[in-house]
C-alpha cells in the first residue's frame, strides 16, 4: 500500500519554514562578518554575553563559515525539492523551468537580499542572538564541518594562500588609525580629535622642529657680575634658565628659580653657589623623535634638555611643555592673535618673523606649507633664492605668496605671507 502524499498545505508550510531557515543562515553570515571587530573586543571586555559568543565563533572563521554554508545549502536544496513537489500538485508535472524561476525569485528576495541587507545595517542585532544557535549547530555538525574544512583548507594551501594571513590584517597602521579617529565623528569631541592626531604626528617630528633656537635662549652668563645675574633672574619669565660660561656652547647647568629662593637667606651669596644649585645639563641630539624625547623626559624626571648638533654645538633648548603643546595645542583660544611671531593684517595677509618655524606657521594658521629641508621661513626663502635678498622680493610657493619685508644682519627678519593657488615661482617686484 502506497504512503499518502503530503498535502499542499503541509508542503507549503514546510517550504515557508525552509525559506525562514535560509534567511536565518544568510543574515547570520552577513551579520557576523559585518561586526566591528574593535567594538566587539570592547564589548567582550565588558562581559557582554552575545559579543563573547560571537568573538569565539570569529576566532575560527573557517568553521563558522562552514557551519553556516552547510546549513544554508541544505535548506536551499531541500526547498528546491519541496518546490518541485508543490509544482507537481499544482500543475501535474515538475515544470522545471518555471519552478526554478519562481524559486530563484523567492530565495533571492526573502532568503538572501532582504535578510542580508538588514544584517548589514544592524549587524549586532542579528549576530549576537544568532550566535546562540550557531554555537549549538557547530557542536552538532562538528564532524561534518571538520571534514569540509579539512578539504577546503587543503585547497586553500594548494592555491598558495596562507590561512592565518587575516590576523595581521586586523592590526591598524598609523594612517588607518588616523582614519578611525576621523570617522568617529561626534562621538569624540573635535578638540580631542586634534589631540589624538597630534599624538600620532609625534613620530614624524624631531626636537629640531620645535626647539627654541640658540639666539632666543634666555640664560645667564656666570662670568657677569653678581648684581647683573640677580637682575636677570628677578626679571625672568621662565622657571628654568641655562647657566653658561662666556658662550652658550659652554652650558654648565640648568638653574631652577625655585632653588634661588634657598639662597636668599645666605649672607655671602656668590656665583659659585648659583652654579652649585644648578642641575647638571641634559644634552640630546637634534634628530631625537618627539615621542622618544617625551618618554626620556618621563624616565629621567626632567623637563628641559639642551639640543646639540652633530658637532656638539648648542642649537637650542626643548622643554617638556613644548612637546605637550604639540599634543594639546597652545594654551590660548586664538593662536594667530596671540602668537608673538605671526600678526594678522587687515588685508588678510600675515606678517611673520623670519625665525618662525614652518611647523609653527602651519599649526597656527592651519596651512600646509612644505618647508623641505628648511625649518624656518627664513631658511626656506634663502634656500629658494640661493642668496641674501633685498626687501620687496616676492616668492610664489606652492599655494602661498611670500614677500620679504625686512632683511637685517644677513637674515630675513620679516615676511608678509598669504595663501594663493600657485606653483613655485620667483617674482622680483619692479
Protein backbone atom coordinates (compact mmCIF):
# COMPACT_ATOMS: atom_id res chain seq x y z
CA UNK A 1 0.00 0.00 0.00
CA UNK A 2 1.49 3.37 -1.07
CA UNK A 3 2.02 6.11 1.53
CA UNK A 4 -0.29 9.08 1.23
CA UNK A 5 1.39 12.11 -0.36
CA UNK A 6 1.76 15.19 1.86
CA UNK A 7 -0.98 17.74 1.38
CA UNK A 8 -0.35 21.03 -0.43
CA UNK A 9 -0.81 22.93 2.84
CA UNK A 10 1.83 20.85 4.62
CA UNK A 11 4.27 21.25 1.75
CA UNK A 12 3.67 24.99 1.67
CA UNK A 13 4.23 25.34 5.42
CA UNK A 14 7.37 23.22 5.19
CA UNK A 15 8.61 25.34 2.26
CA UNK A 16 7.92 28.52 4.24
CA UNK A 17 9.89 27.15 7.20
CA UNK A 18 12.85 26.35 4.92
CA UNK A 19 12.82 29.89 3.47
CA UNK A 20 12.87 31.29 7.02
CA UNK A 21 15.78 28.98 7.89
CA UNK A 22 17.64 30.08 4.75
CA UNK A 23 17.04 33.72 5.70
CA UNK A 24 18.44 32.99 9.16
CA UNK A 25 21.67 31.50 7.77
CA UNK A 26 22.09 34.31 5.22
CA UNK A 27 21.55 37.06 7.78
CA UNK A 28 23.80 35.30 10.30
CA UNK A 29 26.65 35.13 7.80
CA UNK A 30 26.41 38.83 6.88
CA UNK A 31 25.84 39.92 10.47
CA UNK A 32 28.81 38.01 11.85
CA UNK A 33 31.15 39.22 9.12
CA UNK A 34 29.93 42.83 9.41
CA UNK A 35 30.66 43.17 13.11
CA UNK A 36 33.07 45.90 14.11
CA UNK A 37 35.99 43.85 15.47
CA UNK A 38 37.22 46.61 17.75
CA UNK A 39 33.80 47.30 19.21
CA UNK A 40 33.40 43.54 19.59
CA UNK A 41 36.59 43.35 21.64
CA UNK A 42 35.43 46.28 23.76
CA UNK A 43 32.08 44.63 24.49
CA UNK A 44 33.85 41.38 25.20
CA UNK A 45 35.94 43.11 27.87
CA UNK A 46 32.66 44.46 29.26
CA UNK A 47 31.46 40.83 29.68
CA UNK A 48 28.74 41.14 27.00
CA UNK A 49 27.40 37.60 26.51
CA UNK A 50 26.50 37.96 22.83
CA UNK A 51 29.82 39.62 21.99
CA UNK A 52 31.71 36.87 23.82
CA UNK A 53 29.92 34.13 21.84
CA UNK A 54 30.38 35.95 18.54
CA UNK A 55 34.05 36.57 19.27
CA UNK A 56 34.69 32.89 19.95
CA UNK A 57 32.98 31.93 16.68
CA UNK A 58 35.01 34.50 14.73
CA UNK A 59 38.27 33.15 16.15
CA UNK A 60 37.83 30.26 13.70
CA UNK A 61 36.15 31.82 10.65
CA UNK A 62 36.60 28.70 8.51
CA UNK A 63 34.46 26.64 10.90
CA UNK A 64 31.90 29.44 11.26
CA UNK A 65 31.51 29.83 7.51
CA UNK A 66 31.45 26.05 7.17
CA UNK A 67 28.51 25.51 9.52
CA UNK A 68 26.57 28.45 8.02
CA UNK A 69 27.03 27.27 4.44
CA UNK A 70 26.26 23.65 5.29
CA UNK A 71 23.00 24.70 6.89
CA UNK A 72 22.15 27.23 4.17
CA UNK A 73 22.84 24.90 1.26
CA UNK A 74 20.97 22.04 2.91
CA UNK A 75 17.78 24.07 3.44
CA UNK A 76 18.02 25.62 -0.06
CA UNK A 77 18.35 22.23 -1.77
CA UNK A 78 15.55 20.83 0.36
CA UNK A 79 13.42 23.87 -0.51
CA UNK A 80 14.04 23.15 -4.21
CA UNK A 81 12.78 19.59 -3.74
CA UNK A 82 9.69 20.79 -1.88
CA UNK A 83 9.06 23.40 -4.59
CA UNK A 84 9.13 20.61 -7.19
CA UNK A 85 6.56 18.62 -5.19
CA UNK A 86 4.34 21.70 -4.92
CA UNK A 87 4.62 22.25 -8.69
CA UNK A 88 3.57 18.66 -9.36
CA UNK A 89 0.48 19.03 -7.18
CA UNK A 90 -0.45 22.36 -8.74
CA UNK A 91 0.46 21.75 -12.39
CA UNK A 92 0.54 17.98 -12.69
CA UNK A 93 4.20 17.92 -13.82
CA UNK A 94 7.52 19.16 -12.33
CA UNK A 95 7.74 22.19 -14.71
CA UNK A 96 11.50 22.57 -14.01
CA UNK A 97 11.98 25.93 -15.76
CA UNK A 98 9.01 27.65 -14.13
CA UNK A 99 9.83 26.11 -10.75
CA UNK A 100 13.47 27.28 -10.98
CA UNK A 101 12.46 30.85 -11.90
CA UNK A 102 9.88 31.16 -9.13
CA UNK A 103 12.14 29.51 -6.55
CA UNK A 104 15.08 31.76 -7.51
CA UNK A 105 12.99 34.89 -7.07
CA UNK A 106 11.59 33.74 -3.73
CA UNK A 107 15.00 32.71 -2.35
CA UNK A 108 16.71 35.81 -3.73
CA UNK A 109 14.20 38.25 -2.26
CA UNK A 110 13.16 36.61 1.00
CA UNK A 111 16.17 34.46 1.88
CA UNK A 112 19.13 36.44 0.52
CA UNK A 113 18.82 40.15 -0.32
CA UNK A 114 16.35 41.25 2.36
CA UNK A 115 17.90 39.42 5.36
CA UNK A 116 21.44 40.27 4.29
CA UNK A 117 20.55 43.94 3.88
CA UNK A 118 19.03 44.06 7.35
CA UNK A 119 22.06 42.24 8.80
CA UNK A 120 24.48 44.64 7.11
CA UNK A 121 22.59 47.62 8.57
CA UNK A 122 22.17 46.15 12.06
CA UNK A 123 24.91 43.52 12.47
CA UNK A 124 24.86 43.43 16.27
CA UNK A 125 21.09 42.92 16.46
CA UNK A 126 21.39 39.91 14.14
CA UNK A 127 24.77 38.42 15.04
CA UNK A 128 24.51 38.27 18.83
CA UNK A 129 21.19 36.36 19.00
CA UNK A 130 22.23 34.20 16.01
CA UNK A 131 25.42 33.16 17.78
CA UNK A 132 23.36 31.06 20.22
CA UNK A 133 22.05 28.68 17.53
CA UNK A 134 25.27 28.79 15.52
CA UNK A 135 27.25 27.66 18.55
CA UNK A 136 24.83 24.76 19.07
CA UNK A 137 24.87 23.78 15.38
CA UNK A 138 28.66 23.88 15.32
CA UNK A 139 28.75 21.33 18.16
CA UNK A 140 26.15 19.07 16.49
CA UNK A 141 27.62 19.25 12.99
CA UNK A 142 31.28 19.39 14.06
CA UNK A 143 32.31 16.12 12.30
CA UNK A 144 30.78 17.29 9.02
CA UNK A 145 32.27 20.78 9.42
CA UNK A 146 35.69 19.30 10.18
CA UNK A 147 35.68 17.16 7.03
CA UNK A 148 34.54 20.06 4.85
CA UNK A 149 37.15 22.42 6.34
CA UNK A 150 39.91 19.82 6.03
CA UNK A 151 39.32 19.51 2.30
CA UNK A 152 38.71 23.26 1.84
CA UNK A 153 41.84 24.31 3.78
CA UNK A 154 43.88 21.85 1.75
CA UNK A 155 42.69 23.52 -1.45
CA UNK A 156 43.49 26.96 0.02
CA UNK A 157 47.08 25.91 0.75
CA UNK A 158 47.34 24.26 -2.66
CA UNK A 159 46.43 27.56 -4.29
CA UNK A 160 49.26 29.29 -2.39
CA UNK A 161 47.27 31.19 0.22
CA UNK A 162 48.06 31.38 3.95
CA UNK A 163 45.25 30.59 6.35
CA UNK A 164 46.48 32.93 9.13
CA UNK A 165 47.10 35.95 6.87
CA UNK A 166 43.97 37.66 8.18
CA UNK A 167 45.43 38.07 11.68
CA UNK A 168 47.93 40.70 10.55
CA UNK A 169 45.28 42.50 8.52
CA UNK A 170 43.28 43.15 11.70
CA UNK A 171 46.12 45.32 13.05
CA UNK A 172 45.72 49.01 12.24
CA UNK A 173 48.50 51.03 10.68
CA UNK A 174 49.10 54.60 11.80
CA UNK A 175 47.24 56.02 8.78
CA UNK A 176 44.34 53.60 9.31
CA UNK A 177 44.16 54.64 12.97
CA UNK A 178 44.09 58.25 11.82
CA UNK A 179 41.10 57.39 9.60
CA UNK A 180 39.35 55.74 12.57
CA UNK A 181 39.73 58.99 14.53
CA UNK A 182 38.34 61.00 11.62
CA UNK A 183 35.41 58.60 11.17
CA UNK A 184 34.49 58.68 14.86
CA UNK A 185 32.55 61.87 14.14
CA UNK A 186 30.79 63.48 17.08
CA UNK A 187 31.48 60.52 19.35
CA UNK A 188 34.87 62.13 20.05
CA UNK A 189 34.87 65.93 20.62
CA UNK A 190 36.69 67.95 17.97
CA UNK A 191 39.39 69.09 20.40
CA UNK A 192 40.18 65.50 21.33
CA UNK A 193 40.30 64.66 17.63
CA UNK A 194 43.18 67.08 17.30
CA UNK A 195 44.94 65.73 20.38
CA UNK A 196 44.77 62.13 19.14
CA UNK A 197 46.04 63.11 15.71
CA UNK A 198 48.83 65.17 17.25
CA UNK A 199 49.94 62.14 19.26
CA UNK A 200 50.21 60.17 16.02
CA UNK A 201 52.23 63.01 14.48
CA UNK A 202 54.83 62.93 17.26
CA UNK A 203 56.67 60.16 15.41
CA UNK A 204 57.04 62.38 12.35
CA UNK A 205 58.68 65.29 14.19
CA UNK A 206 62.00 65.68 15.96
CA UNK A 207 63.17 68.05 18.68
CA UNK A 208 64.80 70.07 15.92
CA UNK A 209 61.30 71.01 14.71
CA UNK A 210 60.16 72.60 17.96
CA UNK A 211 63.30 73.74 19.78
CA UNK A 212 63.88 77.29 20.95
CA UNK A 213 66.86 78.41 18.79
CA UNK A 214 70.08 79.37 20.49
CA UNK A 215 69.72 83.06 19.65
CA UNK A 216 66.44 83.11 21.63
CA UNK A 217 67.72 81.24 24.67
CA UNK A 218 67.37 83.31 27.84
CA UNK A 219 70.24 82.17 30.05
CA UNK A 220 72.69 83.68 32.49
CA UNK A 221 76.40 84.09 31.87
CA UNK A 222 78.09 83.17 35.12
CA UNK A 223 81.00 85.43 34.17
CA UNK A 224 78.80 88.52 34.55
CA UNK A 225 78.83 90.36 37.87
CA UNK A 226 76.52 89.07 40.59
CA UNK A 227 74.21 92.09 40.52
CA UNK A 228 73.52 91.66 36.82
CA UNK A 229 72.83 87.96 37.33
CA UNK A 230 70.35 88.64 40.11
CA UNK A 231 68.57 91.25 37.98
CA UNK A 232 68.27 88.71 35.14
CA UNK A 233 66.90 86.09 37.49
CA UNK A 234 64.43 88.52 39.04
CA UNK A 235 63.12 89.59 35.63
CA UNK A 236 62.94 86.10 34.14
CA UNK A 237 59.58 84.85 32.85
CA UNK A 238 60.80 81.25 32.90
CA UNK A 239 61.24 78.86 35.80
CA UNK A 240 64.42 77.32 34.39
CA UNK A 241 67.43 79.11 32.94
CA UNK A 242 70.60 77.66 31.38
CA UNK A 243 73.80 78.74 33.12
CA UNK A 244 76.85 79.11 30.85
CA UNK A 245 80.39 80.47 30.95
CA UNK A 246 81.09 83.15 28.38
CA UNK A 247 79.35 81.38 25.47
CA UNK A 248 76.10 79.48 25.17
CA UNK A 249 78.04 76.47 23.86
CA UNK A 250 79.58 76.15 27.33
CA UNK A 251 76.48 75.38 29.41
CA UNK A 252 77.40 74.26 32.91
CA UNK A 253 73.96 73.76 34.43
CA UNK A 254 70.22 74.46 34.48
CA UNK A 255 69.12 76.75 37.30
CA UNK A 256 65.60 76.34 38.67
CA UNK A 257 64.37 79.64 40.09
CA UNK A 258 62.84 77.75 42.99
CA UNK A 259 66.37 76.87 44.03
CA UNK A 260 67.31 80.55 44.11
CA UNK A 261 64.82 81.06 46.94
CA UNK A 262 67.01 78.92 49.16
CA UNK A 263 69.88 81.32 48.64
CA UNK A 264 68.02 84.45 49.72
CA UNK A 265 68.90 83.80 53.36
CA UNK A 266 72.58 83.31 52.57
CA UNK A 267 74.60 86.30 53.76
CA UNK A 268 77.56 85.92 51.40
CA UNK A 269 75.77 84.99 48.19
CA UNK A 270 78.18 84.37 45.33
CA UNK A 271 78.22 82.97 41.81
CA UNK A 272 79.69 79.66 42.97
CA UNK A 273 76.54 78.99 45.00
CA UNK A 274 74.40 79.66 41.90
CA UNK A 275 76.41 77.09 39.94
CA UNK A 276 76.20 74.68 42.87
CA UNK A 277 72.38 74.96 42.95
CA UNK A 278 72.18 74.34 39.21
CA UNK A 279 71.28 70.90 37.91
CA UNK A 280 73.50 69.03 35.51
CA UNK A 281 72.56 69.90 31.90
CA UNK A 282 70.89 67.19 29.84
CA UNK A 283 72.13 67.12 26.24
CA UNK A 284 70.23 65.45 23.40
CA UNK A 285 70.86 65.18 19.63
CA UNK A 286 68.74 67.27 17.28
CA UNK A 287 67.41 64.18 15.48
CA UNK A 288 65.62 62.75 18.55
CA UNK A 289 61.95 62.00 17.69
CA UNK A 290 59.43 63.80 19.87
CA UNK A 291 57.74 60.63 21.12
CA UNK A 292 61.14 59.28 22.18
CA UNK A 293 62.06 62.50 23.95
CA UNK A 294 58.73 62.58 25.76
CA UNK A 295 59.48 59.12 27.11
CA UNK A 296 63.04 60.19 28.02
CA UNK A 297 61.76 63.20 29.97
CA UNK A 298 59.40 60.91 31.86
CA UNK A 299 62.13 58.35 32.59
CA UNK A 300 64.73 60.89 33.73
CA UNK A 301 62.21 63.06 35.63
CA UNK A 302 63.44 66.13 33.74
CA UNK A 303 61.65 68.99 31.99
CA UNK A 304 64.37 70.67 29.91
CA UNK A 305 67.05 69.45 27.51
CA UNK A 306 69.82 71.18 25.57
CA UNK A 307 69.77 70.27 21.88
CA UNK A 308 73.15 69.89 20.14
CA UNK A 309 74.09 69.26 16.52
CA UNK A 310 76.44 66.63 15.14
CA UNK A 311 79.44 68.77 16.07
CA UNK A 312 78.35 69.23 19.68
CA UNK A 313 77.38 72.88 19.25
CA UNK A 314 74.25 74.06 21.03
CA UNK A 315 71.32 74.50 18.63
CA UNK A 316 68.69 75.37 21.20
CA UNK A 317 66.65 74.02 24.07
CA UNK A 318 63.47 71.98 24.26
CA UNK A 319 61.17 71.53 27.23
CA UNK A 320 58.51 69.07 28.28
CA UNK A 321 55.95 71.85 27.86
CA UNK A 322 57.00 72.30 24.22
CA UNK A 323 56.23 68.66 23.47
CA UNK A 324 52.95 68.72 25.40
CA UNK A 325 51.87 71.76 23.39
CA UNK A 326 52.43 69.68 20.26
CA UNK A 327 49.70 67.38 21.60
CA UNK A 328 47.19 69.68 23.28
CA UNK A 329 48.00 72.85 21.33
CA UNK A 330 48.87 76.28 22.62
CA UNK A 331 47.18 77.30 25.85
CA UNK A 332 45.22 80.05 24.09
CA UNK A 333 41.98 80.22 22.13
CA UNK A 334 43.17 82.25 19.14
CA UNK A 335 46.64 81.15 18.06
CA UNK A 336 47.03 83.69 15.26
CA UNK A 337 46.04 86.55 17.53
CA UNK A 338 48.28 85.50 20.41
CA UNK A 339 51.42 84.49 18.52
CA UNK A 340 54.27 86.92 19.03
CA UNK A 341 55.77 85.93 15.67
CA UNK A 342 52.65 85.93 13.47
CA UNK A 343 50.48 89.03 13.11
CA UNK A 344 47.26 89.11 11.09
CA UNK A 345 46.75 92.12 8.78
CA UNK A 346 43.52 93.77 7.66
CA UNK A 347 44.09 92.71 4.03
CA UNK A 348 44.11 89.02 5.02
CA UNK A 349 47.88 88.60 4.91
CA UNK A 350 50.19 87.84 7.85
CA UNK A 351 53.44 89.48 8.95
CA UNK A 352 55.68 86.66 10.09
CA UNK A 353 59.02 86.81 11.88
CA UNK A 354 61.71 85.22 9.74
CA UNK A 355 62.83 82.93 12.57
CA UNK A 356 59.35 81.38 12.88
CA UNK A 357 59.39 77.64 12.19
CA UNK A 358 57.44 76.21 9.27
CA UNK A 359 55.80 73.83 11.73
CA UNK A 360 54.53 76.70 13.89
CA UNK A 361 53.19 78.56 10.85
CA UNK A 362 51.27 75.50 9.66
CA UNK A 363 49.91 74.75 13.11
CA UNK A 364 48.94 78.34 13.90
CA UNK A 365 47.37 79.25 10.55
CA UNK A 366 46.17 75.80 9.52
CA UNK A 367 48.37 75.91 6.40
CA UNK A 368 50.16 73.10 4.60
CA UNK A 369 53.39 74.87 3.73
CA UNK A 370 56.13 72.45 2.66
CA UNK A 371 59.44 73.51 4.14
CA UNK A 372 61.54 70.74 2.60
CA UNK A 373 64.86 70.67 4.46
CA UNK A 374 64.33 74.16 5.91
CA UNK A 375 62.98 74.56 9.44
CA UNK A 376 62.15 78.30 9.39
CA UNK A 377 60.56 80.62 6.87
CA UNK A 378 63.90 82.45 6.64
CA UNK A 379 65.66 79.19 5.81
CA UNK A 380 63.03 78.23 3.23
CA UNK A 381 63.26 81.53 1.35
CA UNK A 382 67.07 81.59 1.50
CA UNK A 383 67.10 78.03 0.14
CA UNK A 384 64.87 79.02 -2.79
CA UNK A 385 66.65 82.31 -3.57
CA UNK A 386 70.17 80.92 -3.07
CA UNK A 387 71.21 84.40 -1.90
CA UNK A 388 70.53 87.05 0.72
CA UNK A 389 67.72 89.08 -0.84
CA UNK A 390 66.80 92.70 -0.56
CA UNK A 391 63.39 93.75 0.64
CA UNK A 392 60.44 93.91 -1.81
CA UNK A 393 61.31 90.49 -3.21
CA UNK A 394 58.35 88.16 -3.63
CA UNK A 395 58.36 84.40 -3.90
CA UNK A 396 55.45 82.29 -5.08
CA UNK A 397 55.42 78.98 -3.27
CA UNK A 398 53.10 76.04 -3.83
CA UNK A 399 49.83 77.64 -2.77
CA UNK A 400 51.33 80.62 -0.91
CA UNK A 401 52.88 84.00 -1.69
CA UNK A 402 55.70 85.41 0.43
CA UNK A 403 57.01 88.97 0.25
CA UNK A 404 60.23 89.82 2.03
CA UNK A 405 59.59 92.97 4.06
CA UNK A 406 62.83 93.36 6.01
CA UNK A 407 66.34 91.87 5.96
CA UNK A 408 68.97 92.60 8.57
CA UNK A 409 72.30 91.08 9.61
CA UNK A 410 72.24 88.72 6.63
CA UNK A 411 68.92 87.13 7.60
CA UNK A 412 65.32 87.71 6.62
CA UNK A 413 63.66 89.43 9.58
CA UNK A 414 60.04 89.91 8.42
CA UNK A 415 57.93 88.26 5.74
CA UNK A 416 54.41 89.06 4.55
CA UNK A 417 52.53 85.90 3.51
CA UNK A 418 49.11 84.93 2.23
CA UNK A 419 47.70 81.74 0.70
CA UNK A 420 47.18 81.71 -3.08
CA UNK A 421 46.73 78.77 -5.52
CA UNK A 422 50.08 78.97 -7.28
CA UNK A 423 53.17 76.91 -8.08
CA UNK A 424 56.79 77.60 -7.12
CA UNK A 425 57.97 80.69 -8.96
CA UNK A 426 60.24 83.63 -8.20
CA UNK A 427 58.91 87.14 -8.71
CA UNK A 428 61.02 90.29 -8.37
CA UNK A 429 58.86 93.33 -7.73
CA UNK A 430 59.75 96.05 -10.20
